[in-house]
Amino acid sequence: MTTTIYYDGDCPFCRRYVDLLRLREAAGEVCLVSLREAPEACRRFEALGIDLDEGMVVEQGDQLYHGSEAVHTLALMTTPVGGFNRLSSAILSRRWLARGLYPGLRAVRNATLRMMGRDGLGK
């Protein structure tokens, strides 16, 4: 089964996060889609009521995971290889920690985009 990760390609944190995860080693085929370059995906998610400025989306089969659920799902899929993956898995694989930390991570992302002079995805 292919896993597709839809993320903000202009966000340096989002880009680095998906690059560092090493998901292909654990999960097989992974497709990375920058939402900045995929307006049809943006329209699809917006029609489903998903606010893309509230977080990335992970699609596995017919399941969609958004925001903290997306990073939680990715943490469960990572390999224990490398410090970043071990840390990500240790923290974000616990649903309650992912939910608790995600608003802060999102706030840093939004502030960084503003400092870079970039709009959010919904603008």
PDB file of N, CA and C in Angstrom:
ATOM      1  N   MET A   1       0.844  -1.174   0.000  1.00  0.00           N
ATOM      2  CA  MET A   1       0.000   0.000   0.000  1.00  0.00           C
ATOM      3  C   MET A   1       0.891   1.239   0.000  1.00  0.00           C
ATOM      4  N   THR A   2       0.582   2.167  -0.854  1.00  0.00           N
ATOM      5  CA  THR A   2       1.322   3.415  -0.935  1.00  0.00           C
ATOM      6  C   THR A   2       0.841   4.383   0.137  1.00  0.00           C
ATOM      7  N   THR A   3       1.771   5.046   0.756  1.00  0.00           N
ATOM      8  CA  THR A   3       1.471   6.118   1.702  1.00  0.00           C
ATOM      9  C   THR A   3       1.811   7.420   1.014  1.00  0.00           C
ATOM     10  N   THR A   4       0.883   8.368   1.043  1.00  0.00           N
ATOM     11  CA  THR A   4       1.125   9.689   0.455  1.00  0.00           C
ATOM     12  C   THR A   4       1.104  10.713   1.576  1.00  0.00           C
ATOM     13  N   ILE A   5       2.136  11.543   1.605  1.00  0.00           N
ATOM     14  CA  ILE A   5       2.244  12.616   2.587  1.00  0.00           C
ATOM     15  C   ILE A   5       2.084  13.932   1.849  1.00  0.00           C
ATOM     16  N   TYR A   6       1.067  14.692   2.226  1.00  0.00           N
ATOM     17  CA  TYR A   6       0.803  16.016   1.665  1.00  0.00           C
ATOM     18  C   TYR A   6       1.274  17.029   2.703  1.00  0.00           C
ATOM     19  N   TYR A   7       2.197  17.886   2.311  1.00  0.00           N
ATOM     20  CA  TYR A   7       2.801  18.815   3.264  1.00  0.00           C
ATOM     21  C   TYR A   7       3.028  20.166   2.594  1.00  0.00           C
ATOM     22  N   ASP A   8       3.380  21.159   3.386  1.00  0.00           N
ATOM     23  CA  ASP A   8       3.648  22.498   2.872  1.00  0.00           C
ATOM     24  C   ASP A   8       5.100  22.559   2.397  1.00  0.00           C
ATOM     25  N   GLY A   9       5.294  22.552   1.110  1.00  0.00           N
ATOM     26  CA  GLY A   9       6.638  22.568   0.543  1.00  0.00           C
ATOM     27  C   GLY A   9       7.407  23.844   0.800  1.00  0.00           C
ATOM     28  N   ASP A  10       6.732  24.932   1.180  1.00  0.00           N
ATOM     29  CA  ASP A  10       7.426  26.184   1.511  1.00  0.00           C
ATOM     30  C   ASP A  10       7.901  26.223   2.955  1.00  0.00           C
ATOM     31  N   CYS A  11       7.392  25.333   3.783  1.00  0.00           N
ATOM     32  CA  CYS A  11       7.762  25.326   5.197  1.00  0.00           C
ATOM     33  C   CYS A  11       9.065  24.547   5.373  1.00  0.00           C
ATOM     34  N   PRO A  12      10.121  25.204   5.860  1.00  0.00           N
ATOM     35  CA  PRO A  12      11.387  24.485   6.030  1.00  0.00           C
ATOM     36  C   PRO A  12      11.298  23.351   7.042  1.00  0.00           C
ATOM     37  N   PHE A  13      10.463  23.489   8.059  1.00  0.00           N
ATOM     38  CA  PHE A  13      10.306  22.427   9.059  1.00  0.00           C
ATOM     39  C   PHE A  13       9.595  21.214   8.459  1.00  0.00           C
ATOM     40  N   CYS A  14       8.532  21.474   7.700  1.00  0.00           N
ATOM     41  CA  CYS A  14       7.778  20.381   7.072  1.00  0.00           C
ATOM     42  C   CYS A  14       8.669  19.614   6.094  1.00  0.00           C
ATOM     43  N   ARG A  15       9.403  20.361   5.258  1.00  0.00           N
ATOM     44  CA  ARG A  15      10.295  19.722   4.280  1.00  0.00           C
ATOM     45  C   ARG A  15      11.335  18.852   4.970  1.00  0.00           C
ATOM     46  N   ARG A  16      11.951  19.407   5.993  1.00  0.00           N
ATOM     47  CA  ARG A  16      13.011  18.680   6.688  1.00  0.00           C
ATOM     48  C   ARG A  16      12.452  17.459   7.417  1.00  0.00           C
ATOM     49  N   TYR A  17      11.282  17.610   8.005  1.00  0.00           N
ATOM     50  CA  TYR A  17      10.643  16.502   8.723  1.00  0.00           C
ATOM     51  C   TYR A  17      10.411  15.313   7.799  1.00  0.00           C
ATOM     52  N   VAL A  18       9.787  15.560   6.651  1.00  0.00           N
ATOM     53  CA  VAL A  18       9.498  14.438   5.754  1.00  0.00           C
ATOM     54  C   VAL A  18      10.783  13.870   5.148  1.00  0.00           C
ATOM     55  N   ASP A  19      11.819  14.707   4.983  1.00  0.00           N
ATOM     56  CA  ASP A  19      13.098  14.205   4.476  1.00  0.00           C
ATOM     57  C   ASP A  19      13.805  13.301   5.481  1.00  0.00           C
ATOM     58  N   LEU A  20      13.713  13.633   6.749  1.00  0.00           N
ATOM     59  CA  LEU A  20      14.455  12.917   7.779  1.00  0.00           C
ATOM     60  C   LEU A  20      13.819  11.609   8.226  1.00  0.00           C
ATOM     61  N   LEU A  21      12.559  11.418   7.977  1.00  0.00           N
ATOM     62  CA  LEU A  21      11.849  10.281   8.553  1.00  0.00           C
ATOM     63  C   LEU A  21      12.316   8.908   8.084  1.00  0.00           C
ATOM     64  N   ARG A  22      12.866   8.819   6.913  1.00  0.00           N
ATOM     65  CA  ARG A  22      13.308   7.523   6.377  1.00  0.00           C
ATOM     66  C   ARG A  22      12.164   6.521   6.305  1.00  0.00           C
ATOM     67  N   LEU A  23      11.021   6.981   5.865  1.00  0.00           N
ATOM     68  CA  LEU A  23       9.840   6.121   5.831  1.00  0.00           C
ATOM     69  C   LEU A  23       9.940   4.993   4.819  1.00  0.00           C
ATOM     70  N   ARG A  24      10.639   5.241   3.737  1.00  0.00           N
ATOM     71  CA  ARG A  24      10.700   4.206   2.694  1.00  0.00           C
ATOM     72  C   ARG A  24      11.332   2.923   3.221  1.00  0.00           C
ATOM     73  N   GLU A  25      12.243   3.064   4.196  1.00  0.00           N
ATOM     74  CA  GLU A  25      12.881   1.884   4.775  1.00  0.00           C
ATOM     75  C   GLU A  25      11.882   1.046   5.566  1.00  0.00           C
ATOM     76  N   ALA A  26      10.909   1.706   6.191  1.00  0.00           N
ATOM     77  CA  ALA A  26       9.963   0.998   7.053  1.00  0.00           C
ATOM     78  C   ALA A  26       8.627   0.729   6.383  1.00  0.00           C
ATOM     79  N   ALA A  27       8.187   1.667   5.555  1.00  0.00           N
ATOM     80  CA  ALA A  27       6.809   1.601   5.054  1.00  0.00           C
ATOM     81  C   ALA A  27       6.712   1.253   3.583  1.00  0.00           C
ATOM     82  N   GLY A  28       7.821   1.130   2.906  1.00  0.00           N
ATOM     83  CA  GLY A  28       7.744   0.845   1.476  1.00  0.00           C
ATOM     84  C   GLY A  28       7.517   2.100   0.661  1.00  0.00           C
ATOM     85  N   GLU A  29       6.607   2.019  -0.276  1.00  0.00           N
ATOM     86  CA  GLU A  29       6.394   3.128  -1.202  1.00  0.00           C
ATOM     87  C   GLU A  29       5.752   4.323  -0.500  1.00  0.00           C
ATOM     88  N   VAL A  30       6.457   5.452  -0.575  1.00  0.00           N
ATOM     89  CA  VAL A  30       5.973   6.693   0.014  1.00  0.00           C
ATOM     90  C   VAL A  30       6.040   7.776  -1.046  1.00  0.00           C
ATOM     91  N   CYS A  31       4.943   8.483  -1.205  1.00  0.00           N
ATOM     92  CA  CYS A  31       4.866   9.571  -2.173  1.00  0.00           C
ATOM     93  C   CYS A  31       4.768  10.880  -1.394  1.00  0.00           C
ATOM     94  N   LEU A  32       5.670  11.813  -1.673  1.00  0.00           N
ATOM     95  CA  LEU A  32       5.657  13.123  -1.023  1.00  0.00           C
ATOM     96  C   LEU A  32       5.065  14.144  -1.981  1.00  0.00           C
ATOM     97  N   VAL A  33       4.068  14.903  -1.517  1.00  0.00           N
ATOM     98  CA  VAL A  33       3.395  15.891  -2.360  1.00  0.00           C
ATOM     99  C   VAL A  33       3.419  17.237  -1.653  1.00  0.00           C
ATOM    100  N   SER A  34       4.100  18.197  -2.271  1.00  0.00           N
ATOM    101  CA  SER A  34       4.059  19.562  -1.758  1.00  0.00           C
ATOM    102  C   SER A  34       2.724  20.172  -2.163  1.00  0.00           C
ATOM    103  N   LEU A  35       1.947  20.582  -1.185  1.00  0.00           N
ATOM    104  CA  LEU A  35       0.631  21.163  -1.476  1.00  0.00           C
ATOM    105  C   LEU A  35       0.741  22.482  -2.229  1.00  0.00           C
ATOM    106  N   ARG A  36       1.892  23.129  -2.173  1.00  0.00           N
ATOM    107  CA  ARG A  36       2.104  24.365  -2.934  1.00  0.00           C
ATOM    108  C   ARG A  36       2.102  24.089  -4.441  1.00  0.00           C
ATOM    109  N   GLU A  37       2.391  22.847  -4.795  1.00  0.00           N
ATOM    110  CA  GLU A  37       2.463  22.468  -6.205  1.00  0.00           C
ATOM    111  C   GLU A  37       1.322  21.544  -6.619  1.00  0.00           C
ATOM    112  N   ALA A  38       0.332  21.401  -5.750  1.00  0.00           N
ATOM    113  CA  ALA A  38      -0.766  20.471  -6.026  1.00  0.00           C
ATOM    114  C   ALA A  38      -2.110  21.114  -5.694  1.00  0.00           C
ATOM    115  N   PRO A  39      -2.537  22.094  -6.504  1.00  0.00           N
ATOM    116  CA  PRO A  39      -3.801  22.785  -6.201  1.00  0.00           C
ATOM    117  C   PRO A  39      -5.009  21.849  -6.201  1.00  0.00           C
ATOM    118  N   GLU A  40      -4.967  20.785  -7.001  1.00  0.00           N
ATOM    119  CA  GLU A  40      -6.094  19.844  -7.023  1.00  0.00           C
ATOM    120  C   GLU A  40      -6.218  19.116  -5.691  1.00  0.00           C
ATOM    121  N   ALA A  41      -5.094  18.785  -5.066  1.00  0.00           N
ATOM    122  CA  ALA A  41      -5.119  18.142  -3.750  1.00  0.00           C
ATOM    123  C   ALA A  41      -5.649  19.128  -2.702  1.00  0.00           C
ATOM    124  N   CYS A  42      -5.234  20.389  -2.808  1.00  0.00           N
ATOM    125  CA  CYS A  42      -5.741  21.414  -1.879  1.00  0.00           C
ATOM    126  C   CYS A  42      -7.255  21.525  -1.984  1.00  0.00           C
ATOM    127  N   ARG A  43      -7.761  21.574  -3.194  1.00  0.00           N
ATOM    128  CA  ARG A  43      -9.216  21.671  -3.380  1.00  0.00           C
ATOM    129  C   ARG A  43      -9.930  20.437  -2.829  1.00  0.00           C
ATOM    130  N   ARG A  44      -9.341  19.275  -3.043  1.00  0.00           N
ATOM    131  CA  ARG A  44      -9.935  18.029  -2.533  1.00  0.00           C
ATOM    132  C   ARG A  44     -10.044  18.060  -1.014  1.00  0.00           C
ATOM    133  N   PHE A  45      -8.966  18.440  -0.353  1.00  0.00           N
ATOM    134  CA  PHE A  45      -8.984  18.451   1.109  1.00  0.00           C
ATOM    135  C   PHE A  45      -9.886  19.554   1.656  1.00  0.00           C
ATOM    136  N   GLU A  46      -9.876  20.697   1.016  1.00  0.00           N
ATOM    137  CA  GLU A  46     -10.764  21.785   1.447  1.00  0.00           C
ATOM    138  C   GLU A  46     -12.228  21.370   1.311  1.00  0.00           C
ATOM    139  N   ALA A  47     -12.564  20.627   0.246  1.00  0.00           N
ATOM    140  CA  ALA A  47     -13.941  20.146   0.056  1.00  0.00           C
ATOM    141  C   ALA A  47     -14.333  19.156   1.162  1.00  0.00           C
ATOM    142  N   LEU A  48     -13.349  18.491   1.733  1.00  0.00           N
ATOM    143  CA  LEU A  48     -13.595  17.553   2.830  1.00  0.00           C
ATOM    144  C   LEU A  48     -13.595  18.251   4.189  1.00  0.00           C
ATOM    145  N   GLY A  49     -13.375  19.566   4.177  1.00  0.00           N
ATOM    146  CA  GLY A  49     -13.362  20.329   5.420  1.00  0.00           C
ATOM    147  C   GLY A  49     -12.043  20.293   6.166  1.00  0.00           C
ATOM    148  N   ILE A  50     -10.969  19.917   5.484  1.00  0.00           N
ATOM    149  CA  ILE A  50      -9.649  19.845   6.105  1.00  0.00           C
ATOM    150  C   ILE A  50      -8.943  21.182   5.910  1.00  0.00           C
ATOM    151  N   ASP A  51      -8.567  21.805   7.019  1.00  0.00           N
ATOM    152  CA  ASP A  51      -7.834  23.073   6.989  1.00  0.00           C
ATOM    153  C   ASP A  51      -6.348  22.749   6.878  1.00  0.00           C
ATOM    154  N   LEU A  52      -5.777  22.984   5.731  1.00  0.00           N
ATOM    155  CA  LEU A  52      -4.389  22.609   5.474  1.00  0.00           C
ATOM    156  C   LEU A  52      -3.404  23.466   6.256  1.00  0.00           C
ATOM    157  N   ASP A  53      -3.827  24.621   6.739  1.00  0.00           N
ATOM    158  CA  ASP A  53      -2.963  25.426   7.592  1.00  0.00           C
ATOM    159  C   ASP A  53      -2.925  24.887   9.015  1.00  0.00           C
ATOM    160  N   GLU A  54      -3.757  23.896   9.291  1.00  0.00           N
ATOM    161  CA  GLU A  54      -3.763  23.257  10.601  1.00  0.00           C
ATOM    162  C   GLU A  54      -2.899  22.004  10.617  1.00  0.00           C
ATOM    163  N   GLY A  55      -2.333  21.621   9.463  1.00  0.00           N
ATOM    164  CA  GLY A  55      -1.432  20.484   9.485  1.00  0.00           C
ATOM    165  C   GLY A  55      -1.369  19.708   8.189  1.00  0.00           C
ATOM    166  N   MET A  56      -0.366  18.859   8.117  1.00  0.00           N
ATOM    167  CA  MET A  56      -0.164  17.999   6.954  1.00  0.00           C
ATOM    168  C   MET A  56      -1.214  16.902   6.940  1.00  0.00           C
ATOM    169  N   VAL A  57      -1.272  16.203   5.809  1.00  0.00           N
ATOM    170  CA  VAL A  57      -2.218  15.101   5.634  1.00  0.00           C
ATOM    171  C   VAL A  57      -1.434  13.865   5.205  1.00  0.00           C
ATOM    172  N   VAL A  58      -1.753  12.743   5.824  1.00  0.00           N
ATOM    173  CA  VAL A  58      -1.191  11.455   5.425  1.00  0.00           C
ATOM    174  C   VAL A  58      -2.343  10.608   4.915  1.00  0.00           C
ATOM    175  N   GLU A  59      -2.152  10.034   3.738  1.00  0.00           N
ATOM    176  CA  GLU A  59      -3.170   9.168   3.139  1.00  0.00           C
ATOM    177  C   GLU A  59      -2.609   7.764   3.004  1.00  0.00           C
ATOM    178  N   GLN A  60      -3.325   6.815   3.593  1.00  0.00           N
ATOM    179  CA  GLN A  60      -2.974   5.400   3.469  1.00  0.00           C
ATOM    180  C   GLN A  60      -4.230   4.675   3.030  1.00  0.00           C
ATOM    181  N   GLY A  61      -4.216   4.176   1.828  1.00  0.00           N
ATOM    182  CA  GLY A  61      -5.417   3.530   1.299  1.00  0.00           C
ATOM    183  C   GLY A  61      -6.556   4.519   1.281  1.00  0.00           C
ATOM    184  N   ASP A  62      -7.648   4.194   1.948  1.00  0.00           N
ATOM    185  CA  ASP A  62      -8.793   5.107   1.974  1.00  0.00           C
ATOM    186  C   ASP A  62      -8.856   5.914   3.275  1.00  0.00           C
ATOM    187  N   GLN A  63      -7.795   5.876   4.061  1.00  0.00           N
ATOM    188  CA  GLN A  63      -7.735   6.615   5.322  1.00  0.00           C
ATOM    189  C   GLN A  63      -6.952   7.911   5.165  1.00  0.00           C
ATOM    190  N   LEU A  64      -7.494   8.994   5.736  1.00  0.00           N
ATOM    191  CA  LEU A  64      -6.800  10.283   5.784  1.00  0.00           C
ATOM    192  C   LEU A  64      -6.516  10.625   7.239  1.00  0.00           C
ATOM    193  N   TYR A  65      -5.295  11.055   7.504  1.00  0.00           N
ATOM    194  CA  TYR A  65      -4.895  11.498   8.832  1.00  0.00           C
ATOM    195  C   TYR A  65      -4.407  12.934   8.696  1.00  0.00           C
ATOM    196  N   HIS A  66      -4.852  13.798   9.603  1.00  0.00           N
ATOM    197  CA  HIS A  66      -4.559  15.224   9.483  1.00  0.00           C
ATOM    198  C   HIS A  66      -3.958  15.739  10.790  1.00  0.00           C
ATOM    199  N   GLY A  67      -3.024  16.664  10.673  1.00  0.00           N
ATOM    200  CA  GLY A  67      -2.462  17.322  11.846  1.00  0.00           C
ATOM    201  C   GLY A  67      -1.755  16.369  12.782  1.00  0.00           C
ATOM    202  N   SER A  68      -2.143  16.395  14.064  1.00  0.00           N
ATOM    203  CA  SER A  68      -1.463  15.560  15.051  1.00  0.00           C
ATOM    204  C   SER A  68      -1.633  14.073  14.738  1.00  0.00           C
ATOM    205  N   GLU A  69      -2.777  13.690  14.173  1.00  0.00           N
ATOM    206  CA  GLU A  69      -2.970  12.283  13.786  1.00  0.00           C
ATOM    207  C   GLU A  69      -2.024  11.898  12.659  1.00  0.00           C
ATOM    208  N   ALA A  70      -1.714  12.841  11.767  1.00  0.00           N
ATOM    209  CA  ALA A  70      -0.778  12.565  10.673  1.00  0.00           C
ATOM    210  C   ALA A  70       0.629  12.311  11.221  1.00  0.00           C
ATOM    211  N   VAL A  71       1.118  13.190  12.112  1.00  0.00           N
ATOM    212  CA  VAL A  71       2.471  12.976  12.634  1.00  0.00           C
ATOM    213  C   VAL A  71       2.515  11.748  13.541  1.00  0.00           C
ATOM    214  N   HIS A  72       1.421  11.469  14.245  1.00  0.00           N
ATOM    215  CA  HIS A  72       1.352  10.251  15.056  1.00  0.00           C
ATOM    216  C   HIS A  72       1.463   9.016  14.158  1.00  0.00           C
ATOM    217  N   THR A  73       0.709   9.009  13.064  1.00  0.00           N
ATOM    218  CA  THR A  73       0.742   7.894  12.118  1.00  0.00           C
ATOM    219  C   THR A  73       2.139   7.724  11.533  1.00  0.00           C
ATOM    220  N   LEU A  74       2.778   8.828  11.160  1.00  0.00           N
ATOM    221  CA  LEU A  74       4.135   8.749  10.609  1.00  0.00           C
ATOM    222  C   LEU A  74       5.124   8.235  11.642  1.00  0.00           C
ATOM    223  N   ALA A  75       4.966   8.653  12.891  1.00  0.00           N
ATOM    224  CA  ALA A  75       5.869   8.176  13.948  1.00  0.00           C
ATOM    225  C   ALA A  75       5.756   6.666  14.136  1.00  0.00           C
ATOM    226  N   LEU A  76       4.557   6.137  13.969  1.00  0.00           N
ATOM    227  CA  LEU A  76       4.368   4.694  14.090  1.00  0.00           C
ATOM    228  C   LEU A  76       5.002   3.932  12.928  1.00  0.00           C
ATOM    229  N   MET A  77       5.221   4.626  11.816  1.00  0.00           N
ATOM    230  CA  MET A  77       5.765   3.989  10.618  1.00  0.00           C
ATOM    231  C   MET A  77       7.282   4.084  10.522  1.00  0.00           C
ATOM    232  N   THR A  78       7.931   4.899  11.350  1.00  0.00           N
ATOM    233  CA  THR A  78       9.361   5.138  11.194  1.00  0.00           C
ATOM    234  C   THR A  78      10.188   3.956  11.675  1.00  0.00           C
ATOM    235  N   THR A  79      11.417   3.927  11.212  1.00  0.00           N
ATOM    236  CA  THR A  79      12.375   2.933  11.681  1.00  0.00           C
ATOM    237  C   THR A  79      13.130   3.526  12.872  1.00  0.00           C
ATOM    238  N   PRO A  80      13.714   2.697  13.715  1.00  0.00           N
ATOM    239  CA  PRO A  80      14.484   3.219  14.849  1.00  0.00           C
ATOM    240  C   PRO A  80      15.915   3.601  14.460  1.00  0.00           C
ATOM    241  N   VAL A  81      16.151   3.846  13.189  1.00  0.00           N
ATOM    242  CA  VAL A  81      17.485   4.167  12.700  1.00  0.00           C
ATOM    243  C   VAL A  81      17.685   5.674  12.745  1.00  0.00           C
ATOM    244  N   GLY A  82      18.728   6.109  13.402  1.00  0.00           N
ATOM    245  CA  GLY A  82      19.053   7.525  13.467  1.00  0.00           C
ATOM    246  C   GLY A  82      18.385   8.210  14.651  1.00  0.00           C
ATOM    247  N   GLY A  83      19.063   9.225  15.141  1.00  0.00           N
ATOM    248  CA  GLY A  83      18.582   9.944  16.308  1.00  0.00           C
ATOM    249  C   GLY A  83      17.240  10.616  16.088  1.00  0.00           C
ATOM    250  N   PHE A  84      17.050  11.220  14.924  1.00  0.00           N
ATOM    251  CA  PHE A  84      15.785  11.914  14.660  1.00  0.00           C
ATOM    252  C   PHE A  84      14.616  10.941  14.683  1.00  0.00           C
ATOM    253  N   ASN A  85      14.761   9.814  14.033  1.00  0.00           N
ATOM    254  CA  ASN A  85      13.664   8.830  14.005  1.00  0.00           C
ATOM    255  C   ASN A  85      13.379   8.269  15.391  1.00  0.00           C
ATOM    256  N   ARG A  86      14.430   8.002  16.170  1.00  0.00           N
ATOM    257  CA  ARG A  86      14.210   7.493  17.524  1.00  0.00           C
ATOM    258  C   ARG A  86      13.471   8.526  18.366  1.00  0.00           C
ATOM    259  N   LEU A  87      13.873   9.779  18.271  1.00  0.00           N
ATOM    260  CA  LEU A  87      13.227  10.845  19.035  1.00  0.00           C
ATOM    261  C   LEU A  87      11.789  11.039  18.574  1.00  0.00           C
ATOM    262  N   SER A  88      11.585  11.113  17.268  1.00  0.00           N
ATOM    263  CA  SER A  88      10.244  11.283  16.714  1.00  0.00           C
ATOM    264  C   SER A  88       9.330  10.148  17.149  1.00  0.00           C
ATOM    265  N   SER A  89       9.828   8.930  17.064  1.00  0.00           N
ATOM    266  CA  SER A  89       9.025   7.775  17.440  1.00  0.00           C
ATOM    267  C   SER A  89       8.728   7.778  18.936  1.00  0.00           C
ATOM    268  N   ALA A  90       9.730   8.088  19.743  1.00  0.00           N
ATOM    269  CA  ALA A  90       9.547   8.074  21.195  1.00  0.00           C
ATOM    270  C   ALA A  90       8.497   9.080  21.643  1.00  0.00           C
ATOM    271  N   ILE A  91       8.441  10.221  20.989  1.00  0.00           N
ATOM    272  CA  ILE A  91       7.514  11.271  21.402  1.00  0.00           C
ATOM    273  C   ILE A  91       6.183  11.174  20.669  1.00  0.00           C
ATOM    274  N   LEU A  92       6.234  11.200  19.349  1.00  0.00           N
ATOM    275  CA  LEU A  92       5.007  11.344  18.570  1.00  0.00           C
ATOM    276  C   LEU A  92       4.231  10.044  18.388  1.00  0.00           C
ATOM    277  N   SER A  93       4.826   8.900  18.717  1.00  0.00           N
ATOM    278  CA  SER A  93       4.071   7.648  18.632  1.00  0.00           C
ATOM    279  C   SER A  93       3.083   7.515  19.792  1.00  0.00           C
ATOM    280  N   ARG A  94       3.223   8.370  20.767  1.00  0.00           N
ATOM    281  CA  ARG A  94       2.239   8.438  21.855  1.00  0.00           C
ATOM    282  C   ARG A  94       1.202   9.490  21.466  1.00  0.00           C
ATOM    283  N   ARG A  95      -0.002   9.027  21.194  1.00  0.00           N
ATOM    284  CA  ARG A  95      -1.047   9.905  20.661  1.00  0.00           C
ATOM    285  C   ARG A  95      -1.247  11.143  21.531  1.00  0.00           C
ATOM    286  N   TRP A  96      -1.257  10.986  22.833  1.00  0.00           N
ATOM    287  CA  TRP A  96      -1.504  12.124  23.726  1.00  0.00           C
ATOM    288  C   TRP A  96      -0.387  13.156  23.632  1.00  0.00           C
ATOM    289  N   LEU A  97       0.868  12.701  23.447  1.00  0.00           N
ATOM    290  CA  LEU A  97       1.971  13.645  23.277  1.00  0.00           C
ATOM    291  C   LEU A  97       1.889  14.339  21.923  1.00  0.00           C
ATOM    292  N   ALA A  98       1.556  13.584  20.888  1.00  0.00           N
ATOM    293  CA  ALA A  98       1.407  14.187  19.561  1.00  0.00           C
ATOM    294  C   ALA A  98       0.328  15.272  19.587  1.00  0.00           C
ATOM    295  N   ARG A  99      -0.800  14.971  20.220  1.00  0.00           N
ATOM    296  CA  ARG A  99      -1.889  15.955  20.317  1.00  0.00           C
ATOM    297  C   ARG A  99      -1.478  17.173  21.132  1.00  0.00           C
ATOM    298  N   GLY A 100      -0.745  16.939  22.202  1.00  0.00           N
ATOM    299  CA  GLY A 100      -0.334  18.040  23.065  1.00  0.00           C
ATOM    300  C   GLY A 100       0.722  18.933  22.450  1.00  0.00           C
ATOM    301  N   LEU A 101       1.667  18.338  21.731  1.00  0.00           N
ATOM    302  CA  LEU A 101       2.771  19.101  21.157  1.00  0.00           C
ATOM    303  C   LEU A 101       2.443  19.739  19.807  1.00  0.00           C
ATOM    304  N   TYR A 102       1.516  19.143  19.083  1.00  0.00           N
ATOM    305  CA  TYR A 102       1.276  19.592  17.714  1.00  0.00           C
ATOM    306  C   TYR A 102       0.867  21.062  17.598  1.00  0.00           C
ATOM    307  N   PRO A 103       0.025  21.599  18.464  1.00  0.00           N
ATOM    308  CA  PRO A 103      -0.309  23.026  18.330  1.00  0.00           C
ATOM    309  C   PRO A 103       0.926  23.934  18.414  1.00  0.00           C
ATOM    310  N   GLY A 104       1.887  23.588  19.258  1.00  0.00           N
ATOM    311  CA  GLY A 104       3.121  24.366  19.336  1.00  0.00           C
ATOM    312  C   GLY A 104       3.950  24.246  18.075  1.00  0.00           C
ATOM    313  N   LEU A 105       4.033  23.036  17.539  1.00  0.00           N
ATOM    314  CA  LEU A 105       4.766  22.832  16.282  1.00  0.00           C
ATOM    315  C   LEU A 105       4.120  23.628  15.150  1.00  0.00           C
ATOM    316  N   ARG A 106       2.807  23.612  15.108  1.00  0.00           N
ATOM    317  CA  ARG A 106       2.075  24.359  14.077  1.00  0.00           C
ATOM    318  C   ARG A 106       2.279  25.863  14.241  1.00  0.00           C
ATOM    319  N   ALA A 107       2.300  26.343  15.472  1.00  0.00           N
ATOM    320  CA  ALA A 107       2.515  27.769  15.727  1.00  0.00           C
ATOM    321  C   ALA A 107       3.897  28.207  15.248  1.00  0.00           C
ATOM    322  N   VAL A 108       4.898  27.373  15.473  1.00  0.00           N
ATOM    323  CA  VAL A 108       6.256  27.686  14.996  1.00  0.00           C
ATOM    324  C   VAL A 108       6.264  27.717  13.474  1.00  0.00           C
ATOM    325  N   ARG A 109       5.600  26.775  12.849  1.00  0.00           N
ATOM    326  CA  ARG A 109       5.512  26.751  11.386  1.00  0.00           C
ATOM    327  C   ARG A 109       4.869  28.025  10.873  1.00  0.00           C
ATOM    328  N   ASN A 110       3.726  28.409  11.451  1.00  0.00           N
ATOM    329  CA  ASN A 110       3.006  29.589  10.974  1.00  0.00           C
ATOM    330  C   ASN A 110       3.824  30.861  11.178  1.00  0.00           C
ATOM    331  N   ALA A 111       4.486  30.981  12.336  1.00  0.00           N
ATOM    332  CA  ALA A 111       5.320  32.162  12.595  1.00  0.00           C
ATOM    333  C   ALA A 111       6.496  32.215  11.622  1.00  0.00           C
ATOM    334  N   THR A 112       7.096  31.072  11.341  1.00  0.00           N
ATOM    335  CA  THR A 112       8.224  31.021  10.403  1.00  0.00           C
ATOM    336  C   THR A 112       7.784  31.443   9.010  1.00  0.00           C
ATOM    337  N   LEU A 113       6.639  30.951   8.555  1.00  0.00           N
ATOM    338  CA  LEU A 113       6.142  31.343   7.231  1.00  0.00           C
ATOM    339  C   LEU A 113       5.884  32.851   7.173  1.00  0.00           C
ATOM    340  N   ARG A 114       5.315  33.413   8.246  1.00  0.00           N
ATOM    341  CA  ARG A 114       5.086  34.870   8.270  1.00  0.00           C
ATOM    342  C   ARG A 114       6.402  35.629   8.187  1.00  0.00           C
ATOM    343  N   MET A 115       7.415  35.181   8.943  1.00  0.00           N
ATOM    344  CA  MET A 115       8.727  35.846   8.908  1.00  0.00           C
ATOM    345  C   MET A 115       9.371  35.739   7.529  1.00  0.00           C
ATOM    346  N   MET A 116       9.070  34.653   6.812  1.00  0.00           N
ATOM    347  CA  MET A 116       9.614  34.459   5.469  1.00  0.00           C
ATOM    348  C   MET A 116       8.790  35.217   4.424  1.00  0.00           C
ATOM    349  N   GLY A 117       7.688  35.838   4.846  1.00  0.00           N
ATOM    350  CA  GLY A 117       6.836  36.575   3.914  1.00  0.00           C
ATOM    351  C   GLY A 117       5.953  35.688   3.069  1.00  0.00           C
ATOM    352  N   ARG A 118       5.676  34.489   3.552  1.00  0.00           N
ATOM    353  CA  ARG A 118       4.838  33.547   2.799  1.00  0.00           C
ATOM    354  C   ARG A 118       3.482  33.407   3.456  1.00  0.00           C
ATOM    355  N   ASP A 119       2.469  33.251   2.635  1.00  0.00           N
ATOM    356  CA  ASP A 119       1.109  33.017   3.122  1.00  0.00           C
ATOM    357  C   ASP A 119       0.942  31.550   3.487  1.00  0.00           C
ATOM    358  N   GLY A 120      -0.094  31.281   4.270  1.00  0.00           N
ATOM    359  CA  GLY A 120      -0.460  29.911   4.544  1.00  0.00           C
ATOM    360  C   GLY A 120      -1.053  29.271   3.306  1.00  0.00           C
ATOM    361  N   LEU A 121      -1.346  28.006   3.401  1.00  0.00           N
ATOM    362  CA  LEU A 121      -1.893  27.277   2.261  1.00  0.00           C
ATOM    363  C   LEU A 121      -3.320  27.688   1.917  1.00  0.00           C
ATOM    364  N   GLY A 122      -4.068  28.133   2.906  1.00  0.00           N
ATOM    365  CA  GLY A 122      -5.465  28.493   2.671  1.00  0.00           C
ATOM    366  C   GLY A 122      -5.654  29.914   2.183  1.00  0.00           C
ATOM    367  N   LYS A 123      -4.594  30.609   1.894  1.00  0.00           N
ATOM    368  CA  LYS A 123      -4.696  32.017   1.484  1.00  0.00           C
ATOM    369  C   LYS A 123      -4.511  32.199   0.012  1.00  0.00           C
TER     370      LYS A 123
END
